[in-house]
Amino acid sequence: MRGFLFAVAATIVLAMMPGGKAEAAAFCAYAGGPAGGGYESCGFYTWQQCLDTVRGSGGFCMVNPHDPAVWGSAVAPRRR
């Protein structure tokens, strides 16, 4: 009986989860010191969010290089 209730609860939880495609955040913040002491944080959806994070730390923001949309489409192989 416990196993059945667990299966029903798990099904309800999975059914309530949002579907769709996940999207990467648009901007990354890079801050910190030289010699590898810095960090990269790519969780910013607006330019202002990114700027507010690096303000005062000497960091900078840029478009997320890990976002597949930035890479463009794959190049089709050349025919011989």
PDB file of N, CA and C in Angstrom:
ATOM      1  N   MET A   1       0.821  -1.189   0.000  1.00  0.00           N
ATOM      2  CA  MET A   1       0.000   0.000   0.000  1.00  0.00           C
ATOM      3  C   MET A   1       0.872   1.264   0.000  1.00  0.00           C
ATOM      4  N   ARG A   2       1.968   1.217   0.787  1.00  0.00           N
ATOM      5  CA  ARG A   2       2.865   2.375   0.831  1.00  0.00           C
ATOM      6  C   ARG A   2       3.499   2.644  -0.529  1.00  0.00           C
ATOM      7  N   GLY A   3       3.853   1.588  -1.225  1.00  0.00           N
ATOM      8  CA  GLY A   3       4.448   1.724  -2.554  1.00  0.00           C
ATOM      9  C   GLY A   3       3.477   2.349  -3.553  1.00  0.00           C
ATOM     10  N   PHE A   4       2.215   1.970  -3.443  1.00  0.00           N
ATOM     11  CA  PHE A   4       1.196   2.528  -4.320  1.00  0.00           C
ATOM     12  C   PHE A   4       1.021   4.024  -4.057  1.00  0.00           C
ATOM     13  N   LEU A   5       0.956   4.401  -2.794  1.00  0.00           N
ATOM     14  CA  LEU A   5       0.801   5.823  -2.444  1.00  0.00           C
ATOM     15  C   LEU A   5       2.010   6.639  -2.912  1.00  0.00           C
ATOM     16  N   PHE A   6       3.200   6.059  -2.781  1.00  0.00           N
ATOM     17  CA  PHE A   6       4.406   6.742  -3.250  1.00  0.00           C
ATOM     18  C   PHE A   6       4.349   6.932  -4.763  1.00  0.00           C
ATOM     19  N   ALA A   7       3.904   5.918  -5.488  1.00  0.00           N
ATOM     20  CA  ALA A   7       3.818   6.017  -6.946  1.00  0.00           C
ATOM     21  C   ALA A   7       2.803   7.076  -7.358  1.00  0.00           C
ATOM     22  N   VAL A   8       1.675   7.145  -6.656  1.00  0.00           N
ATOM     23  CA  VAL A   8       0.661   8.156  -6.966  1.00  0.00           C
ATOM     24  C   VAL A   8       1.213   9.556  -6.685  1.00  0.00           C
ATOM     25  N   ALA A   9       1.883   9.722  -5.545  1.00  0.00           N
ATOM     26  CA  ALA A   9       2.451  11.025  -5.193  1.00  0.00           C
ATOM     27  C   ALA A   9       3.523  11.441  -6.203  1.00  0.00           C
ATOM     28  N   ALA A  10       4.365  10.516  -6.614  1.00  0.00           N
ATOM     29  CA  ALA A  10       5.407  10.823  -7.593  1.00  0.00           C
ATOM     30  C   ALA A  10       4.804  11.206  -8.939  1.00  0.00           C
ATOM     31  N   THR A  11       3.751  10.541  -9.330  1.00  0.00           N
ATOM     32  CA  THR A  11       3.081  10.861 -10.589  1.00  0.00           C
ATOM     33  C   THR A  11       2.487  12.265 -10.553  1.00  0.00           C
ATOM     34  N   ILE A  12       1.876  12.612  -9.427  1.00  0.00           N
ATOM     35  CA  ILE A  12       1.298  13.956  -9.284  1.00  0.00           C
ATOM     36  C   ILE A  12       2.384  15.021  -9.356  1.00  0.00           C
ATOM     37  N   VAL A  13       3.485  14.800  -8.665  1.00  0.00           N
ATOM     38  CA  VAL A  13       4.587  15.771  -8.680  1.00  0.00           C
ATOM     39  C   VAL A  13       5.142  15.931 -10.090  1.00  0.00           C
ATOM     40  N   LEU A  14       5.359  14.840 -10.792  1.00  0.00           N
ATOM     41  CA  LEU A  14       5.894  14.919 -12.154  1.00  0.00           C
ATOM     42  C   LEU A  14       4.914  15.590 -13.098  1.00  0.00           C
ATOM     43  N   ALA A  15       3.621  15.371 -12.898  1.00  0.00           N
ATOM     44  CA  ALA A  15       2.616  15.989 -13.760  1.00  0.00           C
ATOM     45  C   ALA A  15       2.544  17.500 -13.545  1.00  0.00           C
ATOM     46  N   MET A  16       2.894  17.957 -12.355  1.00  0.00           N
ATOM     47  CA  MET A  16       2.821  19.382 -12.044  1.00  0.00           C
ATOM     48  C   MET A  16       4.059  20.158 -12.485  1.00  0.00           C
ATOM     49  N   MET A  17       5.121  19.447 -12.861  1.00  0.00           N
ATOM     50  CA  MET A  17       6.352  20.116 -13.283  1.00  0.00           C
ATOM     51  C   MET A  17       6.127  20.801 -14.620  1.00  0.00           C
ATOM     52  N   PRO A  18       6.699  22.011 -14.774  1.00  0.00           N
ATOM     53  CA  PRO A  18       6.525  22.703 -16.047  1.00  0.00           C
ATOM     54  C   PRO A  18       7.278  21.986 -17.160  1.00  0.00           C
ATOM     55  N   GLY A  19       6.704  22.000 -18.333  1.00  0.00           N
ATOM     56  CA  GLY A  19       7.340  21.374 -19.487  1.00  0.00           C
ATOM     57  C   GLY A  19       7.966  22.441 -20.367  1.00  0.00           C
ATOM     58  N   GLY A  20       8.462  22.039 -21.476  1.00  0.00           N
ATOM     59  CA  GLY A  20       9.036  22.996 -22.414  1.00  0.00           C
ATOM     60  C   GLY A  20      10.540  22.947 -22.430  1.00  0.00           C
ATOM     61  N   LYS A  21      11.091  23.825 -23.221  1.00  0.00           N
ATOM     62  CA  LYS A  21      12.528  23.864 -23.423  1.00  0.00           C
ATOM     63  C   LYS A  21      13.177  24.836 -22.434  1.00  0.00           C
ATOM     64  N   ALA A  22      14.258  24.429 -21.831  1.00  0.00           N
ATOM     65  CA  ALA A  22      15.003  25.309 -20.936  1.00  0.00           C
ATOM     66  C   ALA A  22      15.821  26.288 -21.772  1.00  0.00           C
ATOM     67  N   GLU A  23      15.927  27.502 -21.290  1.00  0.00           N
ATOM     68  CA  GLU A  23      16.701  28.511 -22.002  1.00  0.00           C
ATOM     69  C   GLU A  23      17.853  28.981 -21.124  1.00  0.00           C
ATOM     70  N   ALA A  24      18.992  29.178 -21.738  1.00  0.00           N
ATOM     71  CA  ALA A  24      20.153  29.670 -21.006  1.00  0.00           C
ATOM     72  C   ALA A  24      19.987  31.154 -20.729  1.00  0.00           C
ATOM     73  N   ALA A  25      20.585  31.606 -19.644  1.00  0.00           N
ATOM     74  CA  ALA A  25      20.575  33.031 -19.339  1.00  0.00           C
ATOM     75  C   ALA A  25      21.390  33.763 -20.396  1.00  0.00           C
ATOM     76  N   ALA A  26      21.065  35.026 -20.622  1.00  0.00           N
ATOM     77  CA  ALA A  26      21.649  35.763 -21.729  1.00  0.00           C
ATOM     78  C   ALA A  26      23.040  36.339 -21.451  1.00  0.00           C
ATOM     79  N   PHE A  27      23.366  36.601 -20.176  1.00  0.00           N
ATOM     80  CA  PHE A  27      24.618  37.300 -19.877  1.00  0.00           C
ATOM     81  C   PHE A  27      25.422  36.606 -18.785  1.00  0.00           C
ATOM     82  N   CYS A  28      26.744  36.787 -18.849  1.00  0.00           N
ATOM     83  CA  CYS A  28      27.662  36.244 -17.850  1.00  0.00           C
ATOM     84  C   CYS A  28      28.434  37.379 -17.199  1.00  0.00           C
ATOM     85  N   ALA A  29      28.690  37.229 -15.910  1.00  0.00           N
ATOM     86  CA  ALA A  29      29.516  38.177 -15.167  1.00  0.00           C
ATOM     87  C   ALA A  29      30.859  37.512 -14.887  1.00  0.00           C
ATOM     88  N   TYR A  30      31.914  38.264 -15.097  1.00  0.00           N
ATOM     89  CA  TYR A  30      33.265  37.795 -14.813  1.00  0.00           C
ATOM     90  C   TYR A  30      33.881  38.784 -13.847  1.00  0.00           C
ATOM     91  N   ALA A  31      34.319  38.316 -12.703  1.00  0.00           N
ATOM     92  CA  ALA A  31      34.879  39.218 -11.697  1.00  0.00           C
ATOM     93  C   ALA A  31      35.939  38.496 -10.889  1.00  0.00           C
ATOM     94  N   GLY A  32      36.642  39.239 -10.089  1.00  0.00           N
ATOM     95  CA  GLY A  32      37.666  38.663  -9.241  1.00  0.00           C
ATOM     96  C   GLY A  32      39.044  39.141  -9.634  1.00  0.00           C
ATOM     97  N   GLY A  33      40.009  38.564  -8.996  1.00  0.00           N
ATOM     98  CA  GLY A  33      41.382  38.999  -9.199  1.00  0.00           C
ATOM     99  C   GLY A  33      42.123  38.227 -10.261  1.00  0.00           C
ATOM    100  N   PRO A  34      43.370  38.631 -10.498  1.00  0.00           N
ATOM    101  CA  PRO A  34      44.212  37.935 -11.470  1.00  0.00           C
ATOM    102  C   PRO A  34      44.672  36.577 -10.939  1.00  0.00           C
ATOM    103  N   ALA A  35      45.379  35.860 -11.710  1.00  0.00           N
ATOM    104  CA  ALA A  35      45.971  34.571 -11.350  1.00  0.00           C
ATOM    105  C   ALA A  35      44.905  33.533 -11.003  1.00  0.00           C
ATOM    106  N   GLY A  36      43.810  33.540 -11.747  1.00  0.00           N
ATOM    107  CA  GLY A  36      42.806  32.496 -11.567  1.00  0.00           C
ATOM    108  C   GLY A  36      41.936  32.649 -10.337  1.00  0.00           C
ATOM    109  N   GLY A  37      41.941  33.817  -9.697  1.00  0.00           N
ATOM    110  CA  GLY A  37      41.135  34.003  -8.496  1.00  0.00           C
ATOM    111  C   GLY A  37      39.741  34.504  -8.785  1.00  0.00           C
ATOM    112  N   GLY A  38      39.378  34.632 -10.042  1.00  0.00           N
ATOM    113  CA  GLY A  38      38.086  35.185 -10.412  1.00  0.00           C
ATOM    114  C   GLY A  38      37.011  34.130 -10.537  1.00  0.00           C
ATOM    115  N   TYR A  39      35.860  34.569 -10.988  1.00  0.00           N
ATOM    116  CA  TYR A  39      34.761  33.645 -11.187  1.00  0.00           C
ATOM    117  C   TYR A  39      33.942  34.033 -12.408  1.00  0.00           C
ATOM    118  N   GLU A  40      33.160  33.082 -12.869  1.00  0.00           N
ATOM    119  CA  GLU A  40      32.232  33.283 -13.977  1.00  0.00           C
ATOM    120  C   GLU A  40      30.853  32.877 -13.478  1.00  0.00           C
ATOM    121  N   SER A  41      29.883  33.744 -13.682  1.00  0.00           N
ATOM    122  CA  SER A  41      28.512  33.449 -13.286  1.00  0.00           C
ATOM    123  C   SER A  41      27.595  33.783 -14.455  1.00  0.00           C
ATOM    124  N   CYS A  42      26.980  32.765 -15.035  1.00  0.00           N
ATOM    125  CA  CYS A  42      26.156  32.956 -16.232  1.00  0.00           C
ATOM    126  C   CYS A  42      24.679  32.747 -15.923  1.00  0.00           C
ATOM    127  N   GLY A  43      24.161  33.483 -14.968  1.00  0.00           N
ATOM    128  CA  GLY A  43      22.771  33.324 -14.592  1.00  0.00           C
ATOM    129  C   GLY A  43      21.965  34.595 -14.695  1.00  0.00           C
ATOM    130  N   PHE A  44      22.363  35.505 -15.568  1.00  0.00           N
ATOM    131  CA  PHE A  44      21.709  36.807 -15.638  1.00  0.00           C
ATOM    132  C   PHE A  44      20.890  36.933 -16.914  1.00  0.00           C
ATOM    133  N   TYR A  45      19.629  37.310 -16.735  1.00  0.00           N
ATOM    134  CA  TYR A  45      18.720  37.421 -17.867  1.00  0.00           C
ATOM    135  C   TYR A  45      18.651  38.841 -18.415  1.00  0.00           C
ATOM    136  N   THR A  46      19.172  39.821 -17.658  1.00  0.00           N
ATOM    137  CA  THR A  46      19.219  41.196 -18.156  1.00  0.00           C
ATOM    138  C   THR A  46      20.630  41.740 -17.976  1.00  0.00           C
ATOM    139  N   TRP A  47      20.961  42.709 -18.817  1.00  0.00           N
ATOM    140  CA  TRP A  47      22.258  43.360 -18.746  1.00  0.00           C
ATOM    141  C   TRP A  47      22.421  44.077 -17.403  1.00  0.00           C
ATOM    142  N   GLN A  48      21.344  44.700 -16.914  1.00  0.00           N
ATOM    143  CA  GLN A  48      21.410  45.440 -15.662  1.00  0.00           C
ATOM    144  C   GLN A  48      21.691  44.513 -14.483  1.00  0.00           C
ATOM    145  N   GLN A  49      21.106  43.322 -14.455  1.00  0.00           N
ATOM    146  CA  GLN A  49      21.386  42.357 -13.393  1.00  0.00           C
ATOM    147  C   GLN A  49      22.875  42.042 -13.351  1.00  0.00           C
ATOM    148  N   CYS A  50      23.453  41.839 -14.504  1.00  0.00           N
ATOM    149  CA  CYS A  50      24.869  41.517 -14.590  1.00  0.00           C
ATOM    150  C   CYS A  50      25.721  42.683 -14.104  1.00  0.00           C
ATOM    151  N   LEU A  51      25.414  43.889 -14.565  1.00  0.00           N
ATOM    152  CA  LEU A  51      26.182  45.062 -14.147  1.00  0.00           C
ATOM    153  C   LEU A  51      26.094  45.299 -12.647  1.00  0.00           C
ATOM    154  N   ASP A  52      24.909  45.102 -12.067  1.00  0.00           N
ATOM    155  CA  ASP A  52      24.754  45.279 -10.621  1.00  0.00           C
ATOM    156  C   ASP A  52      25.614  44.290  -9.846  1.00  0.00           C
ATOM    157  N   THR A  53      25.826  43.110 -10.395  1.00  0.00           N
ATOM    158  CA  THR A  53      26.630  42.088  -9.724  1.00  0.00           C
ATOM    159  C   THR A  53      28.112  42.431  -9.722  1.00  0.00           C
ATOM    160  N   VAL A  54      28.642  42.928 -10.825  1.00  0.00           N
ATOM    161  CA  VAL A  54      30.084  43.182 -10.912  1.00  0.00           C
ATOM    162  C   VAL A  54      30.482  44.577 -10.447  1.00  0.00           C
ATOM    163  N   ARG A  55      29.504  45.444 -10.182  1.00  0.00           N
ATOM    164  CA  ARG A  55      29.810  46.812  -9.766  1.00  0.00           C
ATOM    165  C   ARG A  55      30.697  46.797  -8.516  1.00  0.00           C
ATOM    166  N   GLY A  56      31.811  47.486  -8.591  1.00  0.00           N
ATOM    167  CA  GLY A  56      32.725  47.608  -7.467  1.00  0.00           C
ATOM    168  C   GLY A  56      33.752  46.497  -7.358  1.00  0.00           C
ATOM    169  N   SER A  57      33.627  45.456  -8.163  1.00  0.00           N
ATOM    170  CA  SER A  57      34.577  44.353  -8.066  1.00  0.00           C
ATOM    171  C   SER A  57      35.596  44.358  -9.198  1.00  0.00           C
ATOM    172  N   GLY A  58      35.454  45.295 -10.120  1.00  0.00           N
ATOM    173  CA  GLY A  58      36.386  45.349 -11.238  1.00  0.00           C
ATOM    174  C   GLY A  58      36.083  44.307 -12.296  1.00  0.00           C
ATOM    175  N   GLY A  59      34.888  43.739 -12.263  1.00  0.00           N
ATOM    176  CA  GLY A  59      34.525  42.715 -13.229  1.00  0.00           C
ATOM    177  C   GLY A  59      33.893  43.303 -14.472  1.00  0.00           C
ATOM    178  N   PHE A  60      33.432  42.420 -15.339  1.00  0.00           N
ATOM    179  CA  PHE A  60      32.783  42.855 -16.570  1.00  0.00           C
ATOM    180  C   PHE A  60      31.704  41.851 -16.946  1.00  0.00           C
ATOM    181  N   CYS A  61      30.838  42.261 -17.848  1.00  0.00           N
ATOM    182  CA  CYS A  61      29.750  41.414 -18.349  1.00  0.00           C
ATOM    183  C   CYS A  61      29.923  41.190 -19.841  1.00  0.00           C
ATOM    184  N   MET A  62      29.388  40.074 -20.310  1.00  0.00           N
ATOM    185  CA  MET A  62      29.362  39.817 -21.741  1.00  0.00           C
ATOM    186  C   MET A  62      28.239  38.838 -22.049  1.00  0.00           C
ATOM    187  N   VAL A  63      27.912  38.704 -23.319  1.00  0.00           N
ATOM    188  CA  VAL A  63      26.889  37.765 -23.745  1.00  0.00           C
ATOM    189  C   VAL A  63      27.341  36.355 -23.379  1.00  0.00           C
ATOM    190  N   ASN A  64      26.419  35.532 -22.945  1.00  0.00           N
ATOM    191  CA  ASN A  64      26.726  34.173 -22.506  1.00  0.00           C
ATOM    192  C   ASN A  64      27.315  33.350 -23.652  1.00  0.00           C
ATOM    193  N   PRO A  65      28.602  32.989 -23.576  1.00  0.00           N
ATOM    194  CA  PRO A  65      29.211  32.207 -24.661  1.00  0.00           C
ATOM    195  C   PRO A  65      28.788  30.744 -24.631  1.00  0.00           C
ATOM    196  N   HIS A  66      28.124  30.319 -23.561  1.00  0.00           N
ATOM    197  CA  HIS A  66      27.696  28.923 -23.437  1.00  0.00           C
ATOM    198  C   HIS A  66      26.299  28.696 -23.999  1.00  0.00           C
ATOM    199  N   ASP A  67      25.617  29.765 -24.404  1.00  0.00           N
ATOM    200  CA  ASP A  67      24.257  29.666 -24.931  1.00  0.00           C
ATOM    201  C   ASP A  67      24.308  29.120 -26.351  1.00  0.00           C
ATOM    202  N   PRO A  68      23.641  27.995 -26.624  1.00  0.00           N
ATOM    203  CA  PRO A  68      23.662  27.426 -27.984  1.00  0.00           C
ATOM    204  C   PRO A  68      23.138  28.385 -29.050  1.00  0.00           C
ATOM    205  N   ALA A  69      22.286  29.333 -28.680  1.00  0.00           N
ATOM    206  CA  ALA A  69      21.773  30.296 -29.653  1.00  0.00           C
ATOM    207  C   ALA A  69      22.890  31.185 -30.193  1.00  0.00           C
ATOM    208  N   VAL A  70      23.947  31.388 -29.412  1.00  0.00           N
ATOM    209  CA  VAL A  70      25.078  32.210 -29.840  1.00  0.00           C
ATOM    210  C   VAL A  70      25.914  31.469 -30.882  1.00  0.00           C
ATOM    211  N   TRP A  71      25.938  30.151 -30.785  1.00  0.00           N
ATOM    212  CA  TRP A  71      26.767  29.363 -31.690  1.00  0.00           C
ATOM    213  C   TRP A  71      26.218  29.327 -33.099  1.00  0.00           C
ATOM    214  N   GLY A  72      24.928  29.524 -33.260  1.00  0.00           N
ATOM    215  CA  GLY A  72      24.318  29.432 -34.584  1.00  0.00           C
ATOM    216  C   GLY A  72      24.054  27.983 -34.939  1.00  0.00           C
ATOM    217  N   SER A  73      23.641  27.762 -36.155  1.00  0.00           N
ATOM    218  CA  SER A  73      23.336  26.396 -36.576  1.00  0.00           C
ATOM    219  C   SER A  73      24.611  25.683 -37.025  1.00  0.00           C
ATOM    220  N   ALA A  74      24.549  24.381 -36.960  1.00  0.00           N
ATOM    221  CA  ALA A  74      25.698  23.586 -37.372  1.00  0.00           C
ATOM    222  C   ALA A  74      25.900  23.722 -38.880  1.00  0.00           C
ATOM    223  N   VAL A  75      27.130  23.700 -39.281  1.00  0.00           N
ATOM    224  CA  VAL A  75      27.465  23.796 -40.696  1.00  0.00           C
ATOM    225  C   VAL A  75      27.241  22.441 -41.335  1.00  0.00           C
ATOM    226  N   ALA A  76      26.521  22.423 -42.422  1.00  0.00           N
ATOM    227  CA  ALA A  76      26.251  21.176 -43.118  1.00  0.00           C
ATOM    228  C   ALA A  76      27.548  20.669 -43.764  1.00  0.00           C
ATOM    229  N   PRO A  77      27.764  19.364 -43.746  1.00  0.00           N
ATOM    230  CA  PRO A  77      28.981  18.817 -44.370  1.00  0.00           C
ATOM    231  C   PRO A  77      28.978  19.078 -45.871  1.00  0.00           C
ATOM    232  N   ARG A  78      30.153  19.285 -46.420  1.00  0.00           N
ATOM    233  CA  ARG A  78      30.285  19.562 -47.862  1.00  0.00           C
ATOM    234  C   ARG A  78      30.152  18.283 -48.650  1.00  0.00           C
ATOM    235  N   ARG A  79      29.463  18.364 -49.752  1.00  0.00           N
ATOM    236  CA  ARG A  79      29.334  17.210 -50.633  1.00  0.00           C
ATOM    237  C   ARG A  79      30.522  17.153 -51.574  1.00  0.00           C
ATOM    238  N   ARG A  80      30.917  15.959 -51.910  1.00  0.00           N
ATOM    239  CA  ARG A  80      32.043  15.780 -52.843  1.00  0.00           C
ATOM    240  C   ARG A  80      31.546  15.374 -54.171  1.00  0.00           C
TER     241      ARG A  80
END
